[in-house]
Amino acid sequence: MSGIAGILRRDGGPVPKKWGDLLEQALMFGGGIPSRFEDSIPVERGELQILLLSGSGIVEPCPSGLMIIDGDFEGECAFARWNEETLELELGRKGTGQKSLYWFDLAEAGDGLLFCTNPLPLLKIARELELPNDHFAQGVQEYLQDGFVVEGGELFSPVCSMPLQPVSQKCAEKTSELCCEFTTTLAEDVQTLVRLLGAPFADPTLLSTLQQYRFAKENGCCVVEGLAVPESKQFFTRFSSTKQIEKQKMGQRFIARRIELGAIADYVGVQLSISEEQKPLETIPFPLASWLRNPQSNLSQLAGDIFHSDSAFENLPIQKKSVLDMFASHQQESQDHAVELFSLLTLVLWSQLVHA
């Protein structure tokens, strides 16, 4: 896994070692040791602190300074450029949106900022600093209703998503055909994806995506992926009252989906091409409802352990009893709550990582 991260502090205050460790651990997920550049520069109020981390292992010299890149600078990438003459840090993100980049301002905690291609360590640091998120409950509701985390939405606040500088790319000719079966432990894959994305996800087909990309990697194949989804399969159409809202949600879902697919491809180490005009890969069929209902299933066991844990919902605006009632109803086959339970499961797993 590649990725970039860093810290700039200009007020003369120290940079806690824990912050750098959290960023470094996020880039190490999946293997590899990030390269590290650190410097302290005397300024009016003490010393300016700069830390740059590159998951690819490369810190490149550039005019007047240094650059770290996640991806290809001429196409799909996220980058940070440090100007050693002006002491300025430039962050950017280019391409069609497969590469993510998140940041937040230290605000009252100090003059400076932190950034990372995975939002999870930034959310943990923001929580440690007690930076406010007055609209967190709205963000949770937004996620549960839409079925994905809106880029720049309230769930990650005060962490922000870096705007994308569009770079047009030639569309692939045909979606890949990757016919394989599940050979991994679903419970482990769910936890891997939450940590990898740094976010909850309500779309269980990402489990299929992870398995198929692994299959492509094993067989030395590139992946050609699509985004176009038939109207009846759109998660959010049940809640949209107008065509304009549907169109807006579709655009937001495409943005979130590119980031999800790009993160999985980067983690697996497979080359990925995405087109909005083509249909996505045919997913591996799996009985989500049955797996959540079967007490012998590792996915059902994970959900039961998580939902019944004492701290499951203490940091979320969700009633534990309501979830347990829903889980019991599903397991007794009174109703099918598989989609809702899966969404809640990844939400709780994500919340526990943020508050760990």
Foldseek 3Di string as FASTA:
>chain_A
DKKKKKKKFDQQDDDDPVLVVLQQVLLCVLHAGWDKDWDWDQDPRHTIIIIMTISVNDWAADVQFIKHWDDDPQAFIWMWTARVVVRDIDTATEHPQLFWKKKAACVVVGGIMIMISALQSVLLVCVVSVPDQPCCQVQLVVCLQQQFRFQQDSNSPPMHIHDYDYDDDDADDDFDAQDDADDDALVVVLLSLCSLNLHFGLDSLLSQLLVSLLSCVVVVHAGEFEAADPPVPRRNPVPDDDPVVVVVSSVRVVNRVSNSNSSSCVSSVHHYGYYHPDHGHDGHDDDLLVLCQDPPRPVVVLLVCLLPDPCQDVPHPDDSVVLVVVSVCSNVVVDRCRSSSSSSSSRSSSVVSSND
